């Protein structure tokens, strides 16, 4: 089924140095940009992470330090990448929980301001898990009746994810062919940041999603205990989470 798009939709996949969204870096990025008329633009790029690639990561994606020693850093491609994704919504496989937070962190490190707040995010894995409870390799076989060769290659995984979503729309008539509806269906929960540290309550207010203040309004905690804000800013939290709590902290100081 052809996707019903009002603006471009970018499917993307990252290969990284590890699974820590706050610390690990991108070593390969692939994007398939689907235009509203159905045209496809594919971009795949190796990236020098400026840190050693652990052997455990290489075992998964096959990319070594030697492979990326002459590749550009993310900072060097950040502006052109931001232009490529300007005005686009996003799709991926487990992207809401991993790929998107990592990508946001890389843009922040590079000092390139990309506003993701007005974008829609379709996580094909969440749709799959709600419908069938499987993995990407199994999803590709189940929905597309194809074997996913070269799995954990960013481009192969990215294009397979795009094909799986189209097949899901064919298989499940109850799925609405609309980016906003698919994004809502595939979202696990209402997170204010991308790492799930700060959530929204039923009133749309930011609350903590972790720790001793879990469930409490962030603004209330900061008003009562300003040192908690300082602790978070000095702690091992993602850059975007720190950016968000700073906005909340400054907002609460004005009240």
C-alpha atoms as a PDB file:
ATOM      1  CA  UNK A   1       0.000   0.000   0.000  1.00  0.00           C
ATOM      2  CA  UNK A   2       1.332   3.434  -0.908  1.00  0.00           C
ATOM      3  CA  UNK A   3       1.776   5.687   2.114  1.00  0.00           C
ATOM      4  CA  UNK A   4      -0.625   8.604   2.386  1.00  0.00           C
ATOM      5  CA  UNK A   5       1.732  11.508   3.051  1.00  0.00           C
ATOM      6  CA  UNK A   6       1.178  15.226   3.431  1.00  0.00           C
ATOM      7  CA  UNK A   7       4.918  15.896   3.805  1.00  0.00           C
ATOM      8  CA  UNK A   8       8.066  13.779   3.380  1.00  0.00           C
ATOM      9  CA  UNK A   9       8.604  10.817   5.688  1.00  0.00           C
ATOM     10  CA  UNK A  10      12.189   9.802   6.532  1.00  0.00           C
ATOM     11  CA  UNK A  11      12.847   6.216   7.547  1.00  0.00           C
ATOM     12  CA  UNK A  12      16.196   5.969   9.290  1.00  0.00           C
ATOM     13  CA  UNK A  13      18.469   3.529  11.055  1.00  0.00           C
ATOM     14  CA  UNK A  14      21.697   3.998  12.989  1.00  0.00           C
ATOM     15  CA  UNK A  15      24.650   1.760  13.682  1.00  0.00           C
ATOM     16  CA  UNK A  16      26.447   2.941  16.802  1.00  0.00           C
ATOM     17  CA  UNK A  17      29.305   2.333  19.204  1.00  0.00           C
ATOM     18  CA  UNK A  18      26.870   0.930  21.777  1.00  0.00           C
ATOM     19  CA  UNK A  19      23.425   1.202  23.299  1.00  0.00           C
ATOM     20  CA  UNK A  20      23.830   4.127  25.716  1.00  0.00           C
ATOM     21  CA  UNK A  21      21.750   6.909  24.150  1.00  0.00           C
ATOM     22  CA  UNK A  22      23.574   9.575  26.159  1.00  0.00           C
ATOM     23  CA  UNK A  23      27.173   8.478  25.506  1.00  0.00           C
ATOM     24  CA  UNK A  24      27.423   6.296  22.422  1.00  0.00           C
ATOM     25  CA  UNK A  25      27.986   7.696  18.963  1.00  0.00           C
ATOM     26  CA  UNK A  26      26.826   7.027  15.408  1.00  0.00           C
ATOM     27  CA  UNK A  27      29.132   5.092  13.061  1.00  0.00           C
ATOM     28  CA  UNK A  28      26.671   4.729  10.180  1.00  0.00           C
ATOM     29  CA  UNK A  29      23.410   6.428   9.312  1.00  0.00           C
ATOM     30  CA  UNK A  30      20.996   5.562   6.548  1.00  0.00           C
ATOM     31  CA  UNK A  31      17.867   7.438   5.548  1.00  0.00           C
ATOM     32  CA  UNK A  32      15.162   6.688   3.019  1.00  0.00           C
ATOM     33  CA  UNK A  33      13.195   9.861   2.329  1.00  0.00           C
ATOM     34  CA  UNK A  34       9.741   9.116   0.951  1.00  0.00           C
ATOM     35  CA  UNK A  35       8.171  12.053  -0.857  1.00  0.00           C
ATOM     36  CA  UNK A  36       4.388  12.614  -0.936  1.00  0.00           C
ATOM     37  CA  UNK A  37       4.373  11.585  -4.624  1.00  0.00           C
ATOM     38  CA  UNK A  38       6.101   8.287  -3.768  1.00  0.00           C
ATOM     39  CA  UNK A  39       9.609   9.203  -4.936  1.00  0.00           C
ATOM     40  CA  UNK A  40      12.400   7.800  -2.769  1.00  0.00           C
ATOM     41  CA  UNK A  41      15.738   9.415  -1.912  1.00  0.00           C
ATOM     42  CA  UNK A  42      18.313   7.197  -0.182  1.00  0.00           C
ATOM     43  CA  UNK A  43      21.285   8.527   1.775  1.00  0.00           C
ATOM     44  CA  UNK A  44      23.778   6.293   3.636  1.00  0.00           C
ATOM     45  CA  UNK A  45      26.922   7.566   5.338  1.00  0.00           C
ATOM     46  CA  UNK A  46      29.671   6.162   7.511  1.00  0.00           C
ATOM     47  CA  UNK A  47      30.650   8.505  10.366  1.00  0.00           C
ATOM     48  CA  UNK A  48      33.792   8.782  12.448  1.00  0.00           C
ATOM     49  CA  UNK A  49      32.510   8.567  16.054  1.00  0.00           C
ATOM     50  CA  UNK A  50      35.701  10.083  17.484  1.00  0.00           C
ATOM     51  CA  UNK A  51      35.923   7.214  19.926  1.00  0.00           C
ATOM     52  CA  UNK A  52      36.981   3.553  19.628  1.00  0.00           C
ATOM     53  CA  UNK A  53      34.293   1.183  18.367  1.00  0.00           C
ATOM     54  CA  UNK A  54      34.011  -1.655  20.906  1.00  0.00           C
ATOM     55  CA  UNK A  55      34.489  -5.191  19.588  1.00  0.00           C
ATOM     56  CA  UNK A  56      31.009  -6.073  20.868  1.00  0.00           C
ATOM     57  CA  UNK A  57      29.503  -3.398  18.606  1.00  0.00           C
ATOM     58  CA  UNK A  58      31.620  -4.464  15.613  1.00  0.00           C
ATOM     59  CA  UNK A  59      30.371  -8.028  16.076  1.00  0.00           C
ATOM     60  CA  UNK A  60      26.841  -6.750  15.448  1.00  0.00           C
ATOM     61  CA  UNK A  61      27.259  -4.298  12.562  1.00  0.00           C
ATOM     62  CA  UNK A  62      30.680  -5.255  11.198  1.00  0.00           C
ATOM     63  CA  UNK A  63      32.063  -1.689  11.225  1.00  0.00           C
ATOM     64  CA  UNK A  64      35.585  -1.226  12.577  1.00  0.00           C
ATOM     65  CA  UNK A  65      37.735   1.767  13.527  1.00  0.00           C
ATOM     66  CA  UNK A  66      39.621   1.280  10.250  1.00  0.00           C
ATOM     67  CA  UNK A  67      36.364   1.522   8.278  1.00  0.00           C
ATOM     68  CA  UNK A  68      35.565   4.987   9.638  1.00  0.00           C
ATOM     69  CA  UNK A  69      39.003   6.526  10.194  1.00  0.00           C
ATOM     70  CA  UNK A  70      38.650   8.730   7.078  1.00  0.00           C
ATOM     71  CA  UNK A  71      34.894   9.280   7.398  1.00  0.00           C
ATOM     72  CA  UNK A  72      33.503  12.690   8.380  1.00  0.00           C
ATOM     73  CA  UNK A  73      32.467  13.389  11.942  1.00  0.00           C
ATOM     74  CA  UNK A  74      28.808  13.986  12.702  1.00  0.00           C
ATOM     75  CA  UNK A  75      29.548  17.673  13.281  1.00  0.00           C
ATOM     76  CA  UNK A  76      30.877  17.919   9.739  1.00  0.00           C
ATOM     77  CA  UNK A  77      27.662  16.607   8.176  1.00  0.00           C
ATOM     78  CA  UNK A  78      25.170  17.939  10.727  1.00  0.00           C
ATOM     79  CA  UNK A  79      24.087  21.037   8.780  1.00  0.00           C
ATOM     80  CA  UNK A  80      23.567  19.218   5.484  1.00  0.00           C
ATOM     81  CA  UNK A  81      21.736  16.420   7.315  1.00  0.00           C
ATOM     82  CA  UNK A  82      19.454  18.929   9.045  1.00  0.00           C
ATOM     83  CA  UNK A  83      18.604  20.394   5.635  1.00  0.00           C
ATOM     84  CA  UNK A  84      17.834  16.915   4.262  1.00  0.00           C
ATOM     85  CA  UNK A  85      15.324  16.211   7.053  1.00  0.00           C
ATOM     86  CA  UNK A  86      13.821  19.715   7.200  1.00  0.00           C
ATOM     87  CA  UNK A  87      10.017  19.552   7.274  1.00  0.00           C
ATOM     88  CA  UNK A  88       9.958  15.743   7.436  1.00  0.00           C
ATOM     89  CA  UNK A  89       8.279  13.233   9.719  1.00  0.00           C
ATOM     90  CA  UNK A  90      10.180  10.108  10.786  1.00  0.00           C
ATOM     91  CA  UNK A  91       9.832   6.340  10.778  1.00  0.00           C
ATOM     92  CA  UNK A  92      12.054   3.599  12.150  1.00  0.00           C
ATOM     93  CA  UNK A  93      12.288   0.275  13.971  1.00  0.00           C
ATOM     94  CA  UNK A  94      12.694   0.809  17.736  1.00  0.00           C
ATOM     95  CA  UNK A  95      13.508   4.373  16.718  1.00  0.00           C
ATOM     96  CA  UNK A  96      11.493   6.124  19.433  1.00  0.00           C
ATOM     97  CA  UNK A  97      13.486   4.436  22.182  1.00  0.00           C
ATOM     98  CA  UNK A  98      16.936   4.360  20.616  1.00  0.00           C
ATOM     99  CA  UNK A  99      17.695   5.859  17.182  1.00  0.00           C
ATOM    100  CA  UNK A 100      15.822   9.117  17.735  1.00  0.00           C
ATOM    101  CA  UNK A 101      17.384   9.914  21.153  1.00  0.00           C
ATOM    102  CA  UNK A 102      20.861   9.161  19.761  1.00  0.00           C
ATOM    103  CA  UNK A 103      20.271  11.373  16.711  1.00  0.00           C
ATOM    104  CA  UNK A 104      19.010  14.237  18.874  1.00  0.00           C
ATOM    105  CA  UNK A 105      22.101  13.981  21.101  1.00  0.00           C
ATOM    106  CA  UNK A 106      24.420  14.107  18.082  1.00  0.00           C
ATOM    107  CA  UNK A 107      22.763  17.266  16.754  1.00  0.00           C
ATOM    108  CA  UNK A 108      23.057  18.907  20.170  1.00  0.00           C
ATOM    109  CA  UNK A 109      26.753  18.011  20.430  1.00  0.00           C
ATOM    110  CA  UNK A 110      27.292  19.484  16.973  1.00  0.00           C
ATOM    111  CA  UNK A 111      25.536  22.711  17.974  1.00  0.00           C
ATOM    112  CA  UNK A 112      22.962  22.376  15.194  1.00  0.00           C
ATOM    113  CA  UNK A 113      19.447  23.272  16.319  1.00  0.00           C
ATOM    114  CA  UNK A 114      16.878  20.877  14.870  1.00  0.00           C
ATOM    115  CA  UNK A 115      13.323  21.321  16.150  1.00  0.00           C
ATOM    116  CA  UNK A 116      11.776  17.857  16.446  1.00  0.00           C
ATOM    117  CA  UNK A 117       8.767  18.986  18.461  1.00  0.00           C
ATOM    118  CA  UNK A 118       6.447  19.415  15.471  1.00  0.00           C
ATOM    119  CA  UNK A 119       7.481  16.175  13.784  1.00  0.00           C
ATOM    120  CA  UNK A 120       5.577  12.885  13.852  1.00  0.00           C
ATOM    121  CA  UNK A 121       7.414   9.661  14.718  1.00  0.00           C
ATOM    122  CA  UNK A 122       6.245   6.241  13.549  1.00  0.00           C
ATOM    123  CA  UNK A 123       7.892   3.336  15.350  1.00  0.00           C
ATOM    124  CA  UNK A 124       7.256   0.288  13.177  1.00  0.00           C
ATOM    125  CA  UNK A 125       8.511  -2.025  15.918  1.00  0.00           C
ATOM    126  CA  UNK A 126       5.769  -0.846  18.262  1.00  0.00           C
ATOM    127  CA  UNK A 127       3.127  -1.498  15.617  1.00  0.00           C
ATOM    128  CA  UNK A 128       4.661  -4.916  15.035  1.00  0.00           C
ATOM    129  CA  UNK A 129       4.804  -5.780  18.733  1.00  0.00           C
ATOM    130  CA  UNK A 130       1.210  -4.713  19.242  1.00  0.00           C
ATOM    131  CA  UNK A 131       0.130  -6.866  16.323  1.00  0.00           C
ATOM    132  CA  UNK A 132       2.499  -9.841  16.232  1.00  0.00           C
ATOM    133  CA  UNK A 133       5.257  -9.699  18.939  1.00  0.00           C
ATOM    134  CA  UNK A 134       8.325 -10.422  16.743  1.00  0.00           C
ATOM    135  CA  UNK A 135      11.730  -9.014  15.608  1.00  0.00           C
ATOM    136  CA  UNK A 136      12.648  -7.115  12.423  1.00  0.00           C
ATOM    137  CA  UNK A 137      13.986 -10.223  10.670  1.00  0.00           C
ATOM    138  CA  UNK A 138      10.787 -12.093  11.545  1.00  0.00           C
ATOM    139  CA  UNK A 139       8.670  -9.057  10.663  1.00  0.00           C
ATOM    140  CA  UNK A 140      10.239  -8.857   7.210  1.00  0.00           C
ATOM    141  CA  UNK A 141       9.595 -12.557   6.634  1.00  0.00           C
ATOM    142  CA  UNK A 142       6.088 -12.385   8.090  1.00  0.00           C
ATOM    143  CA  UNK A 143       4.852  -9.289   6.275  1.00  0.00           C
ATOM    144  CA  UNK A 144       6.924  -9.288   3.085  1.00  0.00           C
ATOM    145  CA  UNK A 145       7.658 -13.028   2.728  1.00  0.00           C
ATOM    146  CA  UNK A 146      11.340 -12.223   2.190  1.00  0.00           C
ATOM    147  CA  UNK A 147      14.538 -13.133   4.015  1.00  0.00           C
ATOM    148  CA  UNK A 148      16.363 -10.102   5.386  1.00  0.00           C
ATOM    149  CA  UNK A 149      19.900 -10.554   4.099  1.00  0.00           C
ATOM    150  CA  UNK A 150      22.656  -8.301   5.397  1.00  0.00           C
ATOM    151  CA  UNK A 151      20.757  -7.602   8.628  1.00  0.00           C
ATOM    152  CA  UNK A 152      22.390  -4.940  10.847  1.00  0.00           C
ATOM    153  CA  UNK A 153      23.494  -3.071   7.776  1.00  0.00           C
ATOM    154  CA  UNK A 154      21.918   0.345   8.271  1.00  0.00           C
ATOM    155  CA  UNK A 155      20.647   0.599   4.695  1.00  0.00           C
ATOM    156  CA  UNK A 156      19.229  -2.954   4.601  1.00  0.00           C
ATOM    157  CA  UNK A 157      17.460  -2.475   7.940  1.00  0.00           C
ATOM    158  CA  UNK A 158      16.162   0.957   6.931  1.00  0.00           C
ATOM    159  CA  UNK A 159      14.642  -0.140   3.647  1.00  0.00           C
ATOM    160  CA  UNK A 160      13.227  -3.313   5.221  1.00  0.00           C
ATOM    161  CA  UNK A 161      11.486  -1.165   7.845  1.00  0.00           C
ATOM    162  CA  UNK A 162       9.903   0.959   5.097  1.00  0.00           C
ATOM    163  CA  UNK A 163       8.675  -2.166   3.295  1.00  0.00           C
ATOM    164  CA  UNK A 164       7.307  -3.642   6.532  1.00  0.00           C
ATOM    165  CA  UNK A 165       5.233  -0.533   7.247  1.00  0.00           C
ATOM    166  CA  UNK A 166       3.664  -0.624   3.777  1.00  0.00           C
ATOM    167  CA  UNK A 167       2.879  -4.327   4.254  1.00  0.00           C
ATOM    168  CA  UNK A 168       1.387  -3.629   7.697  1.00  0.00           C
ATOM    169  CA  UNK A 169      -0.993  -1.120   6.129  1.00  0.00           C
ATOM    170  CA  UNK A 170      -2.021  -3.754   3.583  1.00  0.00           C
ATOM    171  CA  UNK A 171      -2.529  -6.424   6.231  1.00  0.00           C
ATOM    172  CA  UNK A 172      -4.368  -4.406   8.893  1.00  0.00           C
ATOM    173  CA  UNK A 173      -7.278  -2.369   7.526  1.00  0.00           C
ATOM    174  CA  UNK A 174      -7.809  -0.931  11.011  1.00  0.00           C
ATOM    175  CA  UNK A 175      -4.482   0.911  10.705  1.00  0.00           C
ATOM    176  CA  UNK A 176      -5.123   4.385   9.338  1.00  0.00           C
ATOM    177  CA  UNK A 177      -2.862   5.380   6.432  1.00  0.00           C
ATOM    178  CA  UNK A 178      -1.990   8.687   8.010  1.00  0.00           C
ATOM    179  CA  UNK A 179       1.315   9.729   9.566  1.00  0.00           C
ATOM    180  CA  UNK A 180      -0.238  11.370  12.636  1.00  0.00           C
ATOM    181  CA  UNK A 181      -2.438   8.335  13.352  1.00  0.00           C
ATOM    182  CA  UNK A 182       0.427   5.884  12.848  1.00  0.00           C
ATOM    183  CA  UNK A 183       2.698   7.960  15.067  1.00  0.00           C
ATOM    184  CA  UNK A 184       0.089   7.989  17.830  1.00  0.00           C
ATOM    185  CA  UNK A 185      -0.533   4.240  17.500  1.00  0.00           C
ATOM    186  CA  UNK A 186       3.163   3.372  17.567  1.00  0.00           C
ATOM    187  CA  UNK A 187       4.072   5.608  20.519  1.00  0.00           C
ATOM    188  CA  UNK A 188       4.617   3.655  23.742  1.00  0.00           C
ATOM    189  CA  UNK A 189       3.946   6.543  26.082  1.00  0.00           C
ATOM    190  CA  UNK A 190       3.880  10.299  26.393  1.00  0.00           C
ATOM    191  CA  UNK A 191       7.481  11.356  26.931  1.00  0.00           C
ATOM    192  CA  UNK A 192       8.485  14.996  27.095  1.00  0.00           C
ATOM    193  CA  UNK A 193      12.114  14.149  26.326  1.00  0.00           C
ATOM    194  CA  UNK A 194      13.309  11.337  24.066  1.00  0.00           C
ATOM    195  CA  UNK A 195      14.862   9.185  26.766  1.00  0.00           C
ATOM    196  CA  UNK A 196      11.727   8.808  28.888  1.00  0.00           C
ATOM    197  CA  UNK A 197      13.177  10.562  31.926  1.00  0.00           C
ATOM    198  CA  UNK A 198      10.518  13.275  31.780  1.00  0.00           C
ATOM    199  CA  UNK A 199       6.918  12.332  30.970  1.00  0.00           C
ATOM    200  CA  UNK A 200       3.593  14.101  30.580  1.00  0.00           C
ATOM    201  CA  UNK A 201       0.766  13.469  33.030  1.00  0.00           C
ATOM    202  CA  UNK A 202      -2.911  13.390  32.032  1.00  0.00           C
ATOM    203  CA  UNK A 203      -2.986  17.201  32.276  1.00  0.00           C
ATOM    204  CA  UNK A 204      -0.079  17.642  29.879  1.00  0.00           C
ATOM    205  CA  UNK A 205       2.320  18.672  32.670  1.00  0.00           C
ATOM    206  CA  UNK A 206       5.933  17.481  32.803  1.00  0.00           C
ATOM    207  CA  UNK A 207       6.520  14.900  35.538  1.00  0.00           C
ATOM    208  CA  UNK A 208       9.496  12.771  36.486  1.00  0.00           C
ATOM    209  CA  UNK A 209       9.561   9.300  34.962  1.00  0.00           C
ATOM    210  CA  UNK A 210      12.244   7.946  37.292  1.00  0.00           C
ATOM    211  CA  UNK A 211      13.726   8.124  40.779  1.00  0.00           C
ATOM    212  CA  UNK A 212      12.407   9.253  44.126  1.00  0.00           C
ATOM    213  CA  UNK A 213      10.189  11.937  42.561  1.00  0.00           C
ATOM    214  CA  UNK A 214       8.668   9.680  39.921  1.00  0.00           C
ATOM    215  CA  UNK A 215       5.209  10.948  38.995  1.00  0.00           C
ATOM    216  CA  UNK A 216       5.700  14.387  40.576  1.00  0.00           C
ATOM    217  CA  UNK A 217       5.626  17.621  38.583  1.00  0.00           C
ATOM    218  CA  UNK A 218       9.134  18.675  37.637  1.00  0.00           C
ATOM    219  CA  UNK A 219       8.382  22.352  38.279  1.00  0.00           C
ATOM    220  CA  UNK A 220       7.156  21.574  41.809  1.00  0.00           C
ATOM    221  CA  UNK A 221      10.270  19.568  42.664  1.00  0.00           C
ATOM    222  CA  UNK A 222      12.595  22.258  41.343  1.00  0.00           C
ATOM    223  CA  UNK A 223      10.712  24.909  43.323  1.00  0.00           C
ATOM    224  CA  UNK A 224      11.091  22.871  46.513  1.00  0.00           C
ATOM    225  CA  UNK A 225      14.573  21.504  45.905  1.00  0.00           C
ATOM    226  CA  UNK A 226      16.648  23.521  43.440  1.00  0.00           C
ATOM    227  CA  UNK A 227      19.620  21.277  44.163  1.00  0.00           C
ATOM    228  CA  UNK A 228      17.826  18.444  42.328  1.00  0.00           C
ATOM    229  CA  UNK A 229      18.034  20.490  39.146  1.00  0.00           C
ATOM    230  CA  UNK A 230      21.769  21.006  39.743  1.00  0.00           C
ATOM    231  CA  UNK A 231      22.218  17.292  40.403  1.00  0.00           C
ATOM    232  CA  UNK A 232      20.583  16.415  37.097  1.00  0.00           C
ATOM    233  CA  UNK A 233      22.581  19.003  35.152  1.00  0.00           C
ATOM    234  CA  UNK A 234      25.811  17.573  36.590  1.00  0.00           C
ATOM    235  CA  UNK A 235      24.662  13.984  36.167  1.00  0.00           C
ATOM    236  CA  UNK A 236      24.873  11.441  33.369  1.00  0.00           C
ATOM    237  CA  UNK A 237      21.681  12.477  31.575  1.00  0.00           C
ATOM    238  CA  UNK A 238      21.175  13.024  27.827  1.00  0.00           C
ATOM    239  CA  UNK A 239      21.797  16.541  26.553  1.00  0.00           C
ATOM    240  CA  UNK A 240      18.207  16.911  25.384  1.00  0.00           C
ATOM    241  CA  UNK A 241      16.892  15.973  28.831  1.00  0.00           C
ATOM    242  CA  UNK A 242      19.135  18.666  30.347  1.00  0.00           C
ATOM    243  CA  UNK A 243      17.902  21.166  27.778  1.00  0.00           C
ATOM    244  CA  UNK A 244      14.284  20.360  28.646  1.00  0.00           C
ATOM    245  CA  UNK A 245      14.681  20.563  32.432  1.00  0.00           C
ATOM    246  CA  UNK A 246      16.487  23.886  32.016  1.00  0.00           C
ATOM    247  CA  UNK A 247      13.465  25.232  30.135  1.00  0.00           C
ATOM    248  CA  UNK A 248      11.190  23.987  32.943  1.00  0.00           C
ATOM    249  CA  UNK A 249      13.491  25.388  35.632  1.00  0.00           C
ATOM    250  CA  UNK A 250      13.624  28.842  34.023  1.00  0.00           C
ATOM    251  CA  UNK A 251       9.878  28.778  33.444  1.00  0.00           C
ATOM    252  CA  UNK A 252       9.245  27.951  37.110  1.00  0.00           C
ATOM    253  CA  UNK A 253      11.540  30.789  38.248  1.00  0.00           C
ATOM    254  CA  UNK A 254       9.330  33.275  36.386  1.00  0.00           C
ATOM    255  CA  UNK A 255       6.192  32.122  38.164  1.00  0.00           C
END
